[in-house]
């Protein structure tokens, strides 16, 4: 059993991979103040509820964008799992995956681990040029070549980040649920107007960015890229950004599995 962990700014998604497929998955809130003991209790309980024996874990791989949690997660794993699994723990960084993806930036170390994992996963999924859009706390665009090169990308505020800023700065605007979409563009209430503004607005922005990024990749000599989306809010924005060709919810966890399998074999 492989334990895969994707630590994001807002949520952490963890899972178990058996025989090349995700057999169990959890989504928990990321708290940079949590200690190894607190994390240990949390995962111990999750494993118990799923009837998973911790001693069956043979490998661990982590993608982490919250540096404060690195030591806590390592110590948590040391408490929960066999020493062999912990000693072989892989913490994804540009140096670790240099043999799997070529980062075409002046400073490869600047690229978040999750973005490299998504790029590797997308390459193995479609074997073509690709634009990967991850809808998380931040929305990231990552451009991947058919030779599994990381070409660069964009970072912009996520839907919830923008919505929180709006409600905090405008006293009369309420919290809203974006998973209940508006029926038309012109809102006839405060709530419907906010939903239209965020969803249609972000949809138009994503569409515009896809068009410009695609055109720039083609102008640089790359074939028309596949458009892949992932992340917690990807399904919410899909109807408002029709250029997205497919949503792959488990893109990151599957990428972690691919990386571990490849690196462990060497």
C-alpha atoms as a PDB file:
ATOM      1  CA  UNK A   1       0.000   0.000   0.000  1.00  0.00           C
ATOM      2  CA  UNK A   2       1.261   3.457  -0.920  1.00  0.00           C
ATOM      3  CA  UNK A   3       0.255   6.443   1.230  1.00  0.00           C
ATOM      4  CA  UNK A   4       0.074   9.599  -0.932  1.00  0.00           C
ATOM      5  CA  UNK A   5      -0.364  13.080   0.563  1.00  0.00           C
ATOM      6  CA  UNK A   6      -0.958  16.397  -1.226  1.00  0.00           C
ATOM      7  CA  UNK A   7      -0.669  19.234   1.313  1.00  0.00           C
ATOM      8  CA  UNK A   8      -2.308  22.368  -0.074  1.00  0.00           C
ATOM      9  CA  UNK A   9      -2.740  25.815   1.433  1.00  0.00           C
ATOM     10  CA  UNK A  10      -6.383  25.246   2.399  1.00  0.00           C
ATOM     11  CA  UNK A  11      -6.953  21.495   2.204  1.00  0.00           C
ATOM     12  CA  UNK A  12      -4.837  18.365   2.330  1.00  0.00           C
ATOM     13  CA  UNK A  13      -5.872  15.444   0.163  1.00  0.00           C
ATOM     14  CA  UNK A  14      -4.466  12.066   1.163  1.00  0.00           C
ATOM     15  CA  UNK A  15      -5.090   8.622  -0.199  1.00  0.00           C
ATOM     16  CA  UNK A  16      -4.105   4.984  -0.405  1.00  0.00           C
ATOM     17  CA  UNK A  17      -2.968   3.508  -3.714  1.00  0.00           C
ATOM     18  CA  UNK A  18      -3.214  -0.251  -4.147  1.00  0.00           C
ATOM     19  CA  UNK A  19      -2.419  -2.088  -7.379  1.00  0.00           C
ATOM     20  CA  UNK A  20      -2.127   1.205  -9.237  1.00  0.00           C
ATOM     21  CA  UNK A  21      -5.509   2.619  -8.209  1.00  0.00           C
ATOM     22  CA  UNK A  22      -6.758   4.886  -5.434  1.00  0.00           C
ATOM     23  CA  UNK A  23      -8.640   2.681  -2.989  1.00  0.00           C
ATOM     24  CA  UNK A  24      -9.198   5.294  -0.274  1.00  0.00           C
ATOM     25  CA  UNK A  25      -9.148   9.088  -0.188  1.00  0.00           C
ATOM     26  CA  UNK A  26      -9.594  11.778   2.451  1.00  0.00           C
ATOM     27  CA  UNK A  27      -9.844  15.574   2.278  1.00  0.00           C
ATOM     28  CA  UNK A  28      -9.026  17.475   5.477  1.00  0.00           C
ATOM     29  CA  UNK A  29      -8.389  21.093   6.371  1.00  0.00           C
ATOM     30  CA  UNK A  30      -4.743  22.169   6.306  1.00  0.00           C
ATOM     31  CA  UNK A  31      -3.590  23.693   9.597  1.00  0.00           C
ATOM     32  CA  UNK A  32       0.050  24.760   9.631  1.00  0.00           C
ATOM     33  CA  UNK A  33       0.023  24.834  13.446  1.00  0.00           C
ATOM     34  CA  UNK A  34      -0.755  21.123  13.839  1.00  0.00           C
ATOM     35  CA  UNK A  35       1.853  19.000  15.598  1.00  0.00           C
ATOM     36  CA  UNK A  36       3.016  15.526  14.639  1.00  0.00           C
ATOM     37  CA  UNK A  37       0.943  14.060  17.472  1.00  0.00           C
ATOM     38  CA  UNK A  38      -2.216  15.844  16.315  1.00  0.00           C
ATOM     39  CA  UNK A  39      -1.669  14.715  12.747  1.00  0.00           C
ATOM     40  CA  UNK A  40      -0.979  11.198  13.998  1.00  0.00           C
ATOM     41  CA  UNK A  41      -4.275  11.058  15.871  1.00  0.00           C
ATOM     42  CA  UNK A  42      -6.152  12.378  12.846  1.00  0.00           C
ATOM     43  CA  UNK A  43      -4.695   9.867  10.388  1.00  0.00           C
ATOM     44  CA  UNK A  44      -4.833   7.001  12.875  1.00  0.00           C
ATOM     45  CA  UNK A  45      -8.582   7.577  13.209  1.00  0.00           C
ATOM     46  CA  UNK A  46      -9.058   7.873   9.444  1.00  0.00           C
ATOM     47  CA  UNK A  47      -7.190   4.609   8.907  1.00  0.00           C
ATOM     48  CA  UNK A  48      -9.252   2.883  11.602  1.00  0.00           C
ATOM     49  CA  UNK A  49     -12.546   4.071  10.100  1.00  0.00           C
ATOM     50  CA  UNK A  50     -11.422   2.730   6.707  1.00  0.00           C
ATOM     51  CA  UNK A  51     -10.236  -0.531   8.338  1.00  0.00           C
ATOM     52  CA  UNK A  52      -6.677  -0.031   7.073  1.00  0.00           C
ATOM     53  CA  UNK A  53      -3.773  -1.616   8.933  1.00  0.00           C
ATOM     54  CA  UNK A  54      -0.952   0.941   9.267  1.00  0.00           C
ATOM     55  CA  UNK A  55       1.613  -1.855   9.109  1.00  0.00           C
ATOM     56  CA  UNK A  56       0.543  -2.552   5.510  1.00  0.00           C
ATOM     57  CA  UNK A  57       1.889   0.822   4.321  1.00  0.00           C
ATOM     58  CA  UNK A  58       5.066   0.133   2.343  1.00  0.00           C
ATOM     59  CA  UNK A  59       5.730   3.580   0.875  1.00  0.00           C
ATOM     60  CA  UNK A  60       4.967   7.258   1.459  1.00  0.00           C
ATOM     61  CA  UNK A  61       5.167  10.240  -0.891  1.00  0.00           C
ATOM     62  CA  UNK A  62       4.281  13.842  -0.048  1.00  0.00           C
ATOM     63  CA  UNK A  63       3.683  16.954  -2.136  1.00  0.00           C
ATOM     64  CA  UNK A  64       3.757  19.964   0.167  1.00  0.00           C
ATOM     65  CA  UNK A  65       3.348  23.726  -0.343  1.00  0.00           C
ATOM     66  CA  UNK A  66       3.230  24.505   3.421  1.00  0.00           C
ATOM     67  CA  UNK A  67       6.870  24.328   4.638  1.00  0.00           C
ATOM     68  CA  UNK A  68       5.898  24.546   8.344  1.00  0.00           C
ATOM     69  CA  UNK A  69       4.238  21.131   8.086  1.00  0.00           C
ATOM     70  CA  UNK A  70       7.193  19.246   6.597  1.00  0.00           C
ATOM     71  CA  UNK A  71       8.735  18.110   9.884  1.00  0.00           C
ATOM     72  CA  UNK A  72       5.349  17.478  11.512  1.00  0.00           C
ATOM     73  CA  UNK A  73       4.304  15.133   8.692  1.00  0.00           C
ATOM     74  CA  UNK A  74       7.596  13.279   8.724  1.00  0.00           C
ATOM     75  CA  UNK A  75       7.365  12.721  12.483  1.00  0.00           C
ATOM     76  CA  UNK A  76       3.699  11.777  12.163  1.00  0.00           C
ATOM     77  CA  UNK A  77       4.580   9.092   9.603  1.00  0.00           C
ATOM     78  CA  UNK A  78       7.429   7.854  11.799  1.00  0.00           C
ATOM     79  CA  UNK A  79       4.941   7.291  14.625  1.00  0.00           C
ATOM     80  CA  UNK A  80       2.312   5.557  12.486  1.00  0.00           C
ATOM     81  CA  UNK A  81       4.206   3.426  10.001  1.00  0.00           C
ATOM     82  CA  UNK A  82       6.969   0.871   9.657  1.00  0.00           C
ATOM     83  CA  UNK A  83      10.523   2.260   9.758  1.00  0.00           C
ATOM     84  CA  UNK A  84      11.218   0.995   6.233  1.00  0.00           C
ATOM     85  CA  UNK A  85       8.272   2.977   4.816  1.00  0.00           C
ATOM     86  CA  UNK A  86       9.300   6.129   6.671  1.00  0.00           C
ATOM     87  CA  UNK A  87      12.963   5.868   5.655  1.00  0.00           C
ATOM     88  CA  UNK A  88      11.884   5.663   2.015  1.00  0.00           C
ATOM     89  CA  UNK A  89       9.546   8.663   2.284  1.00  0.00           C
ATOM     90  CA  UNK A  90       9.728  10.866  -0.804  1.00  0.00           C
ATOM     91  CA  UNK A  91       9.115  14.588  -0.401  1.00  0.00           C
ATOM     92  CA  UNK A  92       8.547  15.926  -3.923  1.00  0.00           C
ATOM     93  CA  UNK A  93      10.738  18.834  -5.068  1.00  0.00           C
ATOM     94  CA  UNK A  94      12.231  19.907  -8.394  1.00  0.00           C
ATOM     95  CA  UNK A  95      15.500  18.079  -7.682  1.00  0.00           C
ATOM     96  CA  UNK A  96      13.726  14.815  -6.857  1.00  0.00           C
ATOM     97  CA  UNK A  97      11.697  14.777 -10.074  1.00  0.00           C
ATOM     98  CA  UNK A  98      14.357  16.230 -12.410  1.00  0.00           C
ATOM     99  CA  UNK A  99      14.567  12.899 -14.244  1.00  0.00           C
ATOM    100  CA  UNK A 100      10.789  12.885 -14.820  1.00  0.00           C
ATOM    101  CA  UNK A 101      10.090  16.469 -15.891  1.00  0.00           C
ATOM    102  CA  UNK A 102      12.437  19.116 -17.276  1.00  0.00           C
ATOM    103  CA  UNK A 103      11.742  22.534 -15.754  1.00  0.00           C
ATOM    104  CA  UNK A 104      12.451  25.234 -18.338  1.00  0.00           C
ATOM    105  CA  UNK A 105      12.727  28.111 -15.859  1.00  0.00           C
ATOM    106  CA  UNK A 106      15.678  30.181 -14.628  1.00  0.00           C
ATOM    107  CA  UNK A 107      15.041  28.937 -11.080  1.00  0.00           C
ATOM    108  CA  UNK A 108      13.391  25.476 -11.125  1.00  0.00           C
ATOM    109  CA  UNK A 109      13.156  25.488  -7.322  1.00  0.00           C
ATOM    110  CA  UNK A 110      10.488  28.195  -7.484  1.00  0.00           C
ATOM    111  CA  UNK A 111       7.882  25.832  -8.936  1.00  0.00           C
ATOM    112  CA  UNK A 112       5.476  24.415  -6.356  1.00  0.00           C
ATOM    113  CA  UNK A 113       5.674  20.655  -5.849  1.00  0.00           C
ATOM    114  CA  UNK A 114       1.991  20.227  -6.666  1.00  0.00           C
ATOM    115  CA  UNK A 115       2.459  21.912 -10.055  1.00  0.00           C
ATOM    116  CA  UNK A 116       5.280  19.549 -11.000  1.00  0.00           C
ATOM    117  CA  UNK A 117       3.223  16.555  -9.875  1.00  0.00           C
ATOM    118  CA  UNK A 118       0.263  17.744 -11.964  1.00  0.00           C
ATOM    119  CA  UNK A 119       2.521  18.241 -14.970  1.00  0.00           C
ATOM    120  CA  UNK A 120       3.965  14.734 -14.737  1.00  0.00           C
ATOM    121  CA  UNK A 121       0.503  13.266 -14.231  1.00  0.00           C
ATOM    122  CA  UNK A 122      -0.957  15.177 -17.205  1.00  0.00           C
ATOM    123  CA  UNK A 123       1.918  14.070 -19.447  1.00  0.00           C
ATOM    124  CA  UNK A 124       1.330  10.410 -18.617  1.00  0.00           C
ATOM    125  CA  UNK A 125      -2.397  10.893 -19.093  1.00  0.00           C
ATOM    126  CA  UNK A 126      -2.418  12.465 -22.565  1.00  0.00           C
ATOM    127  CA  UNK A 127       1.170  12.208 -23.924  1.00  0.00           C
ATOM    128  CA  UNK A 128       0.741  15.561 -25.647  1.00  0.00           C
ATOM    129  CA  UNK A 129       1.178  19.263 -25.001  1.00  0.00           C
ATOM    130  CA  UNK A 130      -1.150  20.292 -22.216  1.00  0.00           C
ATOM    131  CA  UNK A 131      -2.411  23.208 -20.165  1.00  0.00           C
ATOM    132  CA  UNK A 132      -3.227  22.063 -16.633  1.00  0.00           C
ATOM    133  CA  UNK A 133      -5.539  24.330 -14.625  1.00  0.00           C
ATOM    134  CA  UNK A 134      -5.702  23.615 -10.891  1.00  0.00           C
ATOM    135  CA  UNK A 135      -8.622  25.285  -9.106  1.00  0.00           C
ATOM    136  CA  UNK A 136      -7.471  25.544  -5.504  1.00  0.00           C
ATOM    137  CA  UNK A 137      -6.762  28.375  -3.068  1.00  0.00           C
ATOM    138  CA  UNK A 138      -4.926  29.845  -6.022  1.00  0.00           C
ATOM    139  CA  UNK A 139      -5.763  28.989  -9.617  1.00  0.00           C
ATOM    140  CA  UNK A 140      -2.663  27.871 -11.464  1.00  0.00           C
ATOM    141  CA  UNK A 141      -2.096  27.354 -15.171  1.00  0.00           C
ATOM    142  CA  UNK A 142       0.798  25.029 -15.984  1.00  0.00           C
ATOM    143  CA  UNK A 143       2.073  24.504 -19.530  1.00  0.00           C
ATOM    144  CA  UNK A 144       3.524  21.080 -20.282  1.00  0.00           C
ATOM    145  CA  UNK A 145       5.132  19.987 -23.536  1.00  0.00           C
ATOM    146  CA  UNK A 146       4.770  16.617 -25.256  1.00  0.00           C
ATOM    147  CA  UNK A 147       8.352  15.920 -24.098  1.00  0.00           C
ATOM    148  CA  UNK A 148       7.282  16.379 -20.443  1.00  0.00           C
ATOM    149  CA  UNK A 149       8.861  19.809 -20.093  1.00  0.00           C
ATOM    150  CA  UNK A 150       7.472  22.338 -17.640  1.00  0.00           C
ATOM    151  CA  UNK A 151       7.332  25.547 -19.688  1.00  0.00           C
ATOM    152  CA  UNK A 152       5.860  27.947 -17.118  1.00  0.00           C
ATOM    153  CA  UNK A 153       2.420  29.178 -16.206  1.00  0.00           C
ATOM    154  CA  UNK A 154       0.197  31.637 -14.378  1.00  0.00           C
ATOM    155  CA  UNK A 155      -1.039  32.126 -10.817  1.00  0.00           C
ATOM    156  CA  UNK A 156      -4.202  34.010  -9.893  1.00  0.00           C
ATOM    157  CA  UNK A 157      -6.505  34.181  -6.844  1.00  0.00           C
ATOM    158  CA  UNK A 158      -8.917  31.286  -6.445  1.00  0.00           C
ATOM    159  CA  UNK A 159     -12.686  31.710  -6.458  1.00  0.00           C
ATOM    160  CA  UNK A 160     -13.044  31.470  -2.695  1.00  0.00           C
ATOM    161  CA  UNK A 161     -10.150  33.873  -2.085  1.00  0.00           C
ATOM    162  CA  UNK A 162     -11.789  36.520  -4.248  1.00  0.00           C
ATOM    163  CA  UNK A 163     -15.208  35.881  -2.754  1.00  0.00           C
ATOM    164  CA  UNK A 164     -13.885  36.145   0.813  1.00  0.00           C
ATOM    165  CA  UNK A 165     -12.167  39.440  -0.017  1.00  0.00           C
ATOM    166  CA  UNK A 166     -15.427  40.740  -1.495  1.00  0.00           C
ATOM    167  CA  UNK A 167     -17.566  39.833   1.533  1.00  0.00           C
ATOM    168  CA  UNK A 168     -14.960  41.121   3.999  1.00  0.00           C
ATOM    169  CA  UNK A 169     -14.599  44.500   2.310  1.00  0.00           C
ATOM    170  CA  UNK A 170     -18.292  45.052   1.526  1.00  0.00           C
ATOM    171  CA  UNK A 171     -20.300  44.883   4.745  1.00  0.00           C
ATOM    172  CA  UNK A 172     -23.696  44.235   3.135  1.00  0.00           C
ATOM    173  CA  UNK A 173     -22.597  41.352   0.925  1.00  0.00           C
ATOM    174  CA  UNK A 174     -23.359  37.910   2.408  1.00  0.00           C
ATOM    175  CA  UNK A 175     -21.518  34.615   2.219  1.00  0.00           C
ATOM    176  CA  UNK A 176     -22.801  32.556  -0.708  1.00  0.00           C
ATOM    177  CA  UNK A 177     -22.637  28.957  -1.942  1.00  0.00           C
ATOM    178  CA  UNK A 178     -21.074  28.794  -5.390  1.00  0.00           C
ATOM    179  CA  UNK A 179     -22.131  25.176  -5.878  1.00  0.00           C
ATOM    180  CA  UNK A 180     -25.674  26.394  -6.570  1.00  0.00           C
ATOM    181  CA  UNK A 181     -25.095  28.272  -9.847  1.00  0.00           C
ATOM    182  CA  UNK A 182     -27.111  31.235 -11.139  1.00  0.00           C
ATOM    183  CA  UNK A 183     -29.739  30.567 -13.812  1.00  0.00           C
ATOM    184  CA  UNK A 184     -28.942  33.719 -15.792  1.00  0.00           C
ATOM    185  CA  UNK A 185     -26.251  36.350 -16.099  1.00  0.00           C
ATOM    186  CA  UNK A 186     -28.269  39.325 -14.864  1.00  0.00           C
ATOM    187  CA  UNK A 187     -28.853  38.821 -11.162  1.00  0.00           C
ATOM    188  CA  UNK A 188     -32.163  39.942  -9.656  1.00  0.00           C
ATOM    189  CA  UNK A 189     -31.013  39.690  -6.038  1.00  0.00           C
ATOM    190  CA  UNK A 190     -27.781  40.346  -4.164  1.00  0.00           C
ATOM    191  CA  UNK A 191     -27.002  36.645  -3.939  1.00  0.00           C
ATOM    192  CA  UNK A 192     -27.723  35.910  -7.607  1.00  0.00           C
ATOM    193  CA  UNK A 193     -25.764  39.002  -8.665  1.00  0.00           C
ATOM    194  CA  UNK A 194     -22.758  37.836  -6.638  1.00  0.00           C
ATOM    195  CA  UNK A 195     -22.962  34.330  -8.076  1.00  0.00           C
ATOM    196  CA  UNK A 196     -23.186  35.700 -11.604  1.00  0.00           C
ATOM    197  CA  UNK A 197     -20.282  38.047 -11.036  1.00  0.00           C
ATOM    198  CA  UNK A 198     -18.005  35.352  -9.619  1.00  0.00           C
ATOM    199  CA  UNK A 199     -18.930  32.401 -11.847  1.00  0.00           C
ATOM    200  CA  UNK A 200     -19.570  34.139 -15.157  1.00  0.00           C
ATOM    201  CA  UNK A 201     -16.717  36.530 -14.429  1.00  0.00           C
ATOM    202  CA  UNK A 202     -14.209  33.809 -13.617  1.00  0.00           C
ATOM    203  CA  UNK A 203     -15.516  31.696 -16.487  1.00  0.00           C
ATOM    204  CA  UNK A 204     -14.863  34.542 -18.931  1.00  0.00           C
ATOM    205  CA  UNK A 205     -11.423  35.123 -17.426  1.00  0.00           C
ATOM    206  CA  UNK A 206     -10.490  31.422 -17.620  1.00  0.00           C
ATOM    207  CA  UNK A 207     -11.736  31.264 -21.216  1.00  0.00           C
ATOM    208  CA  UNK A 208      -9.693  34.325 -22.144  1.00  0.00           C
ATOM    209  CA  UNK A 209      -6.564  32.990 -20.456  1.00  0.00           C
ATOM    210  CA  UNK A 210      -6.910  29.562 -22.090  1.00  0.00           C
ATOM    211  CA  UNK A 211      -7.156  31.264 -25.487  1.00  0.00           C
ATOM    212  CA  UNK A 212      -4.100  33.457 -24.915  1.00  0.00           C
ATOM    213  CA  UNK A 213      -1.959  30.704 -23.367  1.00  0.00           C
ATOM    214  CA  UNK A 214      -2.915  28.268 -26.133  1.00  0.00           C
ATOM    215  CA  UNK A 215      -2.093  30.859 -28.826  1.00  0.00           C
ATOM    216  CA  UNK A 216       1.271  31.615 -27.224  1.00  0.00           C
ATOM    217  CA  UNK A 217       2.195  27.925 -26.995  1.00  0.00           C
ATOM    218  CA  UNK A 218       1.291  27.446 -30.672  1.00  0.00           C
ATOM    219  CA  UNK A 219       3.286  30.556 -31.637  1.00  0.00           C
ATOM    220  CA  UNK A 220       6.306  28.996 -29.897  1.00  0.00           C
ATOM    221  CA  UNK A 221       6.003  25.922 -32.091  1.00  0.00           C
ATOM    222  CA  UNK A 222       4.001  23.609 -29.844  1.00  0.00           C
ATOM    223  CA  UNK A 223       0.989  21.702 -31.152  1.00  0.00           C
ATOM    224  CA  UNK A 224      -2.493  22.574 -29.892  1.00  0.00           C
ATOM    225  CA  UNK A 225      -2.483  21.611 -26.186  1.00  0.00           C
ATOM    226  CA  UNK A 226      -5.030  19.526 -24.303  1.00  0.00           C
ATOM    227  CA  UNK A 227      -6.891  21.510 -21.608  1.00  0.00           C
ATOM    228  CA  UNK A 228      -7.110  19.604 -18.319  1.00  0.00           C
ATOM    229  CA  UNK A 229      -8.626  20.873 -15.062  1.00  0.00           C
ATOM    230  CA  UNK A 230      -8.336  19.590 -11.510  1.00  0.00           C
ATOM    231  CA  UNK A 231      -8.848  20.880  -7.973  1.00  0.00           C
ATOM    232  CA  UNK A 232     -11.792  21.288  -5.657  1.00  0.00           C
ATOM    233  CA  UNK A 233     -13.556  24.026  -7.634  1.00  0.00           C
ATOM    234  CA  UNK A 234     -12.990  22.631 -11.141  1.00  0.00           C
ATOM    235  CA  UNK A 235     -16.460  21.090 -11.410  1.00  0.00           C
ATOM    236  CA  UNK A 236     -18.064  24.362 -10.293  1.00  0.00           C
ATOM    237  CA  UNK A 237     -16.463  26.417 -13.075  1.00  0.00           C
ATOM    238  CA  UNK A 238     -16.777  23.819 -15.872  1.00  0.00           C
ATOM    239  CA  UNK A 239     -20.134  25.067 -17.220  1.00  0.00           C
ATOM    240  CA  UNK A 240     -18.735  28.605 -17.386  1.00  0.00           C
ATOM    241  CA  UNK A 241     -15.470  27.716 -19.146  1.00  0.00           C
ATOM    242  CA  UNK A 242     -16.351  25.381 -22.042  1.00  0.00           C
ATOM    243  CA  UNK A 243     -12.780  25.300 -23.379  1.00  0.00           C
ATOM    244  CA  UNK A 244     -11.883  22.943 -20.521  1.00  0.00           C
ATOM    245  CA  UNK A 245     -11.822  19.543 -22.205  1.00  0.00           C
ATOM    246  CA  UNK A 246     -11.766  17.274 -19.185  1.00  0.00           C
ATOM    247  CA  UNK A 247     -11.708  17.315 -15.392  1.00  0.00           C
ATOM    248  CA  UNK A 248      -9.384  14.868 -13.636  1.00  0.00           C
ATOM    249  CA  UNK A 249     -10.164  15.071  -9.894  1.00  0.00           C
ATOM    250  CA  UNK A 250      -7.384  12.661  -8.880  1.00  0.00           C
ATOM    251  CA  UNK A 251      -4.691  14.148 -11.123  1.00  0.00           C
ATOM    252  CA  UNK A 252      -2.350  15.014  -8.235  1.00  0.00           C
ATOM    253  CA  UNK A 253      -2.717  11.802  -6.238  1.00  0.00           C
ATOM    254  CA  UNK A 254      -2.256   9.684  -9.353  1.00  0.00           C
ATOM    255  CA  UNK A 255       0.792  11.782 -10.219  1.00  0.00           C
ATOM    256  CA  UNK A 256       2.255  11.080  -6.790  1.00  0.00           C
ATOM    257  CA  UNK A 257       1.711   7.378  -7.374  1.00  0.00           C
ATOM    258  CA  UNK A 258       3.484   7.555 -10.741  1.00  0.00           C
ATOM    259  CA  UNK A 259       6.433   9.454  -9.255  1.00  0.00           C
ATOM    260  CA  UNK A 260       6.850   7.032  -6.374  1.00  0.00           C
ATOM    261  CA  UNK A 261       6.688   4.003  -8.646  1.00  0.00           C
ATOM    262  CA  UNK A 262       9.305   5.465 -10.996  1.00  0.00           C
ATOM    263  CA  UNK A 263      11.728   6.721  -8.333  1.00  0.00           C
ATOM    264  CA  UNK A 264      11.427   3.626  -6.163  1.00  0.00           C
ATOM    265  CA  UNK A 265      12.343   1.451  -9.159  1.00  0.00           C
ATOM    266  CA  UNK A 266      15.727   3.161  -9.481  1.00  0.00           C
END
